[in-house]
């Protein structure tokens, strides 16, 4: 069935306008009015129909002064990018590879990203430390975990956790959505969604994961470059006091969690760095120093 003549004319005009817009982007790069890196970053942060996003990577690179067809072909092969790929259609790892290449060409050192995993025994204060970091340090992106346990008083969906059902969690496992996942305290499932972490690291941003001991081990196995930080209580007695002061579990559950905490304490030598949680602000500063970011605002994954 042929489309109405008016639709075909409108479609043809839109296609011509899109080609002209892409041609203008290439002209700007060739004349050094814009850098290829600026075009790429615009493509990845703007509308998917923008001329920067719909421009083929090969066209972008060929527009760069001193990069001809032969060198462009070699660069594309080195980066593992298909000639048919458009800038806005690149995956996370391809965006990272292209960004680093363009930064090197422009004499800009690639941003150093770091994945830091904060773990420790139950009730040691991981959540309190991470909340302090969230409120105080802008460039630390805190990953939000998914869990099958019910929310505690004051916890907000999408901010503290994504609260999902067992069936939803299992579906996420099947799709390969988790960087790590585990059953904690023989009761509830916890997992770290991987795509946001991959995107942040590819963008040169530091990421902090606040997870349990099992999850930390799984992350280290999947990403050996991750830095594992073990948060310690000042003393075992203080850990017991904090646990009982929580008031969120009954006596039997508290006893079980205390036994679990003692086992978890024995895992501290598996970690790269140990931080004692004497005082929340100081512990948070020590963790942030490992991420090497300034203290001026807040971002969250």
Protein backbone atom coordinates (compact mmCIF):
# COMPACT_ATOMS: atom_id res chain seq x y z
CA UNK A 1 0.00 0.00 0.00
CA UNK A 2 1.53 3.27 -1.17
CA UNK A 3 1.65 6.12 1.34
CA UNK A 4 -0.26 9.30 0.44
CA UNK A 5 1.67 11.74 -1.72
CA UNK A 6 1.73 14.34 1.05
CA UNK A 7 3.40 11.85 3.43
CA UNK A 8 6.03 10.89 0.85
CA UNK A 9 6.84 14.54 0.21
CA UNK A 10 7.09 15.29 3.92
CA UNK A 11 9.30 12.24 4.46
CA UNK A 12 11.57 13.26 1.61
CA UNK A 13 11.93 16.78 2.99
CA UNK A 14 12.72 15.45 6.45
CA UNK A 15 15.39 13.14 5.02
CA UNK A 16 16.97 16.02 3.11
CA UNK A 17 16.96 18.21 6.22
CA UNK A 18 18.59 15.42 8.25
CA UNK A 19 21.33 14.96 5.65
CA UNK A 20 22.01 18.68 5.60
CA UNK A 21 22.19 18.77 9.41
CA UNK A 22 24.72 15.92 9.43
CA UNK A 23 26.71 17.63 6.69
CA UNK A 24 26.84 20.78 8.82
CA UNK A 25 28.16 18.80 11.80
CA UNK A 26 30.90 17.31 9.59
CA UNK A 27 31.76 20.77 8.26
CA UNK A 28 32.11 22.12 11.79
CA UNK A 29 34.50 19.31 12.72
CA UNK A 30 36.53 19.71 9.53
CA UNK A 31 36.85 23.48 10.11
CA UNK A 32 37.76 22.92 13.77
CA UNK A 33 34.71 24.86 14.97
CA UNK A 34 33.84 21.74 16.98
CA UNK A 35 35.82 18.73 18.07
CA UNK A 36 34.84 15.17 17.27
CA UNK A 37 34.74 14.53 21.01
CA UNK A 38 32.18 17.31 21.49
CA UNK A 39 30.04 15.81 18.72
CA UNK A 40 30.21 12.36 20.31
CA UNK A 41 29.36 13.63 23.80
CA UNK A 42 26.43 15.59 22.36
CA UNK A 43 25.20 12.45 20.60
CA UNK A 44 25.31 10.44 23.82
CA UNK A 45 23.59 13.03 26.00
CA UNK A 46 20.97 14.38 23.59
CA UNK A 47 18.07 13.16 21.47
CA UNK A 48 18.60 9.92 19.49
CA UNK A 49 17.34 11.69 16.34
CA UNK A 50 19.81 14.59 16.62
CA UNK A 51 22.26 14.93 13.71
CA UNK A 52 25.20 14.13 16.00
CA UNK A 53 23.54 10.87 17.07
CA UNK A 54 22.53 9.76 13.55
CA UNK A 55 25.95 10.49 12.06
CA UNK A 56 27.94 7.35 11.24
CA UNK A 57 31.14 6.94 13.23
CA UNK A 58 33.13 6.62 9.99
CA UNK A 59 31.75 9.95 8.76
CA UNK A 60 32.66 11.62 12.03
CA UNK A 61 36.24 10.32 11.97
CA UNK A 62 36.75 11.15 8.29
CA UNK A 63 35.76 14.74 9.12
CA UNK A 64 38.65 15.06 11.58
CA UNK A 65 41.53 16.96 9.97
CA UNK A 66 44.40 14.57 9.11
CA UNK A 67 42.22 11.46 9.42
CA UNK A 68 41.63 10.14 5.90
CA UNK A 69 39.73 7.02 4.76
CA UNK A 70 42.65 4.63 5.30
CA UNK A 71 43.44 5.76 8.84
CA UNK A 72 39.74 5.89 9.69
CA UNK A 73 39.31 2.29 8.60
CA UNK A 74 42.26 1.22 10.74
CA UNK A 75 40.97 3.15 13.78
CA UNK A 76 37.51 1.61 13.40
CA UNK A 77 39.04 -1.86 13.32
CA UNK A 78 41.19 -1.13 16.37
CA UNK A 79 38.16 0.13 18.29
CA UNK A 80 36.03 -2.82 17.23
CA UNK A 81 33.31 -0.62 15.72
CA UNK A 82 31.36 -1.65 12.64
CA UNK A 83 31.41 0.83 9.71
CA UNK A 84 27.61 0.79 9.77
CA UNK A 85 27.41 2.02 13.37
CA UNK A 86 26.02 5.46 14.10
CA UNK A 87 27.51 7.52 16.95
CA UNK A 88 24.32 7.43 18.99
CA UNK A 89 23.94 3.68 18.52
CA UNK A 90 27.23 2.64 20.11
CA UNK A 91 27.20 0.36 23.13
CA UNK A 92 28.72 1.25 26.48
CA UNK A 93 32.15 -0.27 25.82
CA UNK A 94 32.34 1.11 22.27
CA UNK A 95 31.50 4.59 23.57
CA UNK A 96 34.26 4.28 26.12
CA UNK A 97 36.77 3.15 23.49
CA UNK A 98 35.84 5.96 21.08
CA UNK A 99 35.86 8.56 23.86
CA UNK A 100 39.34 7.51 25.01
CA UNK A 101 40.66 7.56 21.42
CA UNK A 102 39.30 11.07 20.76
CA UNK A 103 40.62 12.30 24.10
CA UNK A 104 44.09 11.01 23.26
CA UNK A 105 43.98 12.77 19.88
CA UNK A 106 43.06 16.04 21.57
CA UNK A 107 45.75 15.65 24.22
CA UNK A 108 43.24 15.11 27.01
CA UNK A 109 44.12 12.43 29.53
CA UNK A 110 41.31 9.87 29.84
CA UNK A 111 39.35 10.20 33.04
CA UNK A 112 40.37 7.58 35.56
CA UNK A 113 37.35 5.74 36.84
CA UNK A 114 37.41 3.49 39.87
CA UNK A 115 34.96 0.95 41.21
CA UNK A 116 35.05 0.79 45.01
CA UNK A 117 33.10 -1.89 46.87
CA UNK A 118 32.13 -1.11 50.47
CA UNK A 119 31.24 -4.16 52.55
CA UNK A 120 31.39 -5.35 56.14
CA UNK A 121 29.51 -7.23 58.83
CA UNK A 122 25.82 -6.66 59.44
CA UNK A 123 24.98 -3.49 61.45
CA UNK A 124 28.50 -2.07 61.04
CA UNK A 125 27.05 1.09 59.50
CA UNK A 126 27.57 0.61 55.75
CA UNK A 127 24.25 2.25 54.97
CA UNK A 128 24.92 5.21 57.25
CA UNK A 129 28.36 5.79 55.72
CA UNK A 130 27.03 5.52 52.17
CA UNK A 131 24.17 7.93 52.95
CA UNK A 132 26.70 10.43 54.29
CA UNK A 133 28.71 10.07 51.08
CA UNK A 134 25.55 10.49 48.99
CA UNK A 135 24.72 13.74 50.76
CA UNK A 136 28.24 15.19 50.79
CA UNK A 137 30.27 14.11 47.77
CA UNK A 138 29.04 15.00 44.29
CA UNK A 139 31.05 12.87 41.94
CA UNK A 140 30.54 9.58 43.72
CA UNK A 141 27.84 7.58 41.99
CA UNK A 142 26.21 5.13 44.37
CA UNK A 143 24.74 2.06 42.77
CA UNK A 144 21.21 1.18 43.89
CA UNK A 145 20.78 -2.53 44.54
CA UNK A 146 17.70 -4.64 43.93
CA UNK A 147 16.37 -6.77 46.78
CA UNK A 148 13.51 -9.10 47.56
CA UNK A 149 13.26 -8.06 51.21
CA UNK A 150 10.49 -5.66 52.23
CA UNK A 151 11.37 -2.00 52.82
CA UNK A 152 12.36 -0.87 56.30
CA UNK A 153 10.78 2.26 57.77
CA UNK A 154 11.95 5.33 55.85
CA UNK A 155 13.44 3.46 52.88
CA UNK A 156 12.46 4.85 49.49
CA UNK A 157 12.03 2.82 46.30
CA UNK A 158 14.77 3.64 43.77
CA UNK A 159 16.82 5.58 46.30
CA UNK A 160 17.78 3.00 48.90
CA UNK A 161 16.86 -0.14 46.94
CA UNK A 162 14.72 -1.40 44.12
CA UNK A 163 12.23 -3.63 45.94
CA UNK A 164 11.23 -6.50 43.66
CA UNK A 165 9.44 -9.83 43.98
CA UNK A 166 11.21 -13.19 43.83
CA UNK A 167 9.90 -13.78 40.32
CA UNK A 168 11.07 -10.35 39.13
CA UNK A 169 14.51 -10.96 40.64
CA UNK A 170 14.78 -14.35 38.93
CA UNK A 171 13.84 -12.76 35.61
CA UNK A 172 16.64 -10.22 36.03
CA UNK A 173 19.08 -13.08 36.63
CA UNK A 174 17.92 -14.78 33.44
CA UNK A 175 18.47 -11.58 31.46
CA UNK A 176 22.00 -11.21 32.87
CA UNK A 177 21.12 -7.87 34.46
CA UNK A 178 23.26 -8.32 37.59
CA UNK A 179 26.92 -7.62 38.22
CA UNK A 180 26.50 -9.79 41.30
CA UNK A 181 23.66 -11.28 43.27
CA UNK A 182 23.37 -13.42 46.37
CA UNK A 183 21.05 -14.74 49.06
CA UNK A 184 21.86 -12.97 52.34
CA UNK A 185 21.13 -14.38 55.81
CA UNK A 186 19.49 -17.38 54.11
CA UNK A 187 16.47 -15.21 53.52
CA UNK A 188 16.49 -12.44 50.93
CA UNK A 189 18.12 -11.89 47.55
CA UNK A 190 20.24 -8.84 46.76
CA UNK A 191 21.79 -7.87 43.43
CA UNK A 192 23.67 -5.03 41.74
CA UNK A 193 22.30 -4.05 38.30
CA UNK A 194 25.28 -4.05 35.94
CA UNK A 195 24.35 -1.70 33.02
CA UNK A 196 24.45 1.54 35.07
CA UNK A 197 27.82 0.57 36.56
CA UNK A 198 29.30 -0.21 33.13
CA UNK A 199 28.03 3.10 31.72
CA UNK A 200 29.45 5.14 34.58
CA UNK A 201 32.88 3.50 34.41
CA UNK A 202 32.97 3.93 30.62
CA UNK A 203 32.25 7.64 31.18
CA UNK A 204 35.26 7.89 33.50
CA UNK A 205 33.15 8.25 36.65
CA UNK A 206 33.87 6.66 40.01
CA UNK A 207 31.30 4.24 41.36
CA UNK A 208 30.68 3.07 44.92
CA UNK A 209 28.88 -0.19 45.63
CA UNK A 210 27.58 -0.77 49.14
CA UNK A 211 26.94 -4.52 49.26
CA UNK A 212 27.37 -7.62 51.41
CA UNK A 213 30.41 -9.89 51.72
CA UNK A 214 29.16 -12.43 49.19
CA UNK A 215 28.46 -9.67 46.68
CA UNK A 216 31.92 -8.15 47.17
CA UNK A 217 33.52 -11.49 46.37
CA UNK A 218 31.41 -11.86 43.24
CA UNK A 219 32.29 -8.35 42.04
CA UNK A 220 36.01 -9.01 42.54
CA UNK A 221 35.71 -12.20 40.49
CA UNK A 222 33.85 -10.39 37.70
CA UNK A 223 35.94 -7.17 37.84
CA UNK A 224 39.39 -7.80 39.37
CA UNK A 225 40.23 -4.10 39.10
CA UNK A 226 37.60 -3.28 41.74
CA UNK A 227 38.92 -2.03 45.09
CA UNK A 228 37.36 -3.86 48.05
CA UNK A 229 36.93 -1.85 51.27
CA UNK A 230 36.00 -3.59 54.52
CA UNK A 231 34.16 -1.43 57.06
CA UNK A 232 35.05 -2.49 60.61
CA UNK A 233 33.34 -1.65 63.92
CA UNK A 234 35.57 -0.14 66.62
CA UNK A 235 35.02 -3.34 68.66
CA UNK A 236 32.84 -6.45 68.57
CA UNK A 237 31.02 -5.09 71.62
CA UNK A 238 30.13 -1.93 69.69
CA UNK A 239 28.87 -4.07 66.80
CA UNK A 240 26.56 -5.94 69.21
CA UNK A 241 25.33 -2.64 70.66
CA UNK A 242 24.58 -1.20 67.21
CA UNK A 243 22.79 -4.36 66.16
CA UNK A 244 20.52 -4.39 69.21
CA UNK A 245 19.93 -0.67 68.88
CA UNK A 246 18.51 -1.10 65.39
CA UNK A 247 15.17 -2.37 66.68
CA UNK A 248 14.20 -3.82 63.30
CA UNK A 249 14.61 -7.52 64.18
CA UNK A 250 13.43 -9.76 67.02
CA UNK A 251 15.77 -11.54 69.50
CA UNK A 252 16.09 -14.71 67.40
CA UNK A 253 16.87 -12.75 64.27
CA UNK A 254 19.39 -10.60 66.17
CA UNK A 255 21.17 -13.71 67.46
CA UNK A 256 21.32 -15.18 63.97
CA UNK A 257 22.65 -11.96 62.50
CA UNK A 258 25.30 -11.70 65.21
CA UNK A 259 26.59 -15.17 64.36
CA UNK A 260 26.62 -14.19 60.69
CA UNK A 261 28.53 -10.99 61.57
CA UNK A 262 31.24 -12.98 63.36
CA UNK A 263 31.71 -15.13 60.26
CA UNK A 264 31.78 -12.00 58.09
CA UNK A 265 34.42 -10.38 60.33
CA UNK A 266 36.72 -13.30 59.58
CA UNK A 267 36.63 -12.34 55.86
CA UNK A 268 38.32 -8.95 56.36
CA UNK A 269 41.73 -10.14 55.16
CA UNK A 270 40.25 -10.81 51.72
CA UNK A 271 39.78 -7.06 51.27
CA UNK A 272 42.22 -4.50 49.86
CA UNK A 273 41.58 -1.76 52.42
CA UNK A 274 40.12 -1.67 55.96
CA UNK A 275 38.30 1.36 57.36
CA UNK A 276 37.20 1.53 61.00
CA UNK A 277 33.83 3.20 61.51
CA UNK A 278 34.65 5.19 64.67
CA UNK A 279 32.77 8.21 63.35
CA UNK A 280 30.61 8.34 60.21
CA UNK A 281 32.08 11.50 58.67
CA UNK A 282 35.65 10.31 59.06
CA UNK A 283 34.87 6.85 57.69
CA UNK A 284 33.10 8.44 54.72
CA UNK A 285 36.11 10.69 54.02
CA UNK A 286 38.46 7.71 54.05
CA UNK A 287 36.27 5.85 51.56
CA UNK A 288 35.93 8.90 49.29
CA UNK A 289 39.70 9.45 49.30
CA UNK A 290 39.98 6.02 47.67
CA UNK A 291 37.65 7.27 44.93
CA UNK A 292 39.59 10.53 44.57
CA UNK A 293 36.62 12.84 44.03
CA UNK A 294 35.72 16.33 45.35
CA UNK A 295 33.04 17.16 47.93
CA UNK A 296 30.56 19.56 46.31
CA UNK A 297 27.22 17.86 45.50
CA UNK A 298 25.51 14.55 44.69
CA UNK A 299 24.86 12.06 41.92
CA UNK A 300 23.29 8.63 42.08
CA UNK A 301 23.01 5.68 39.69
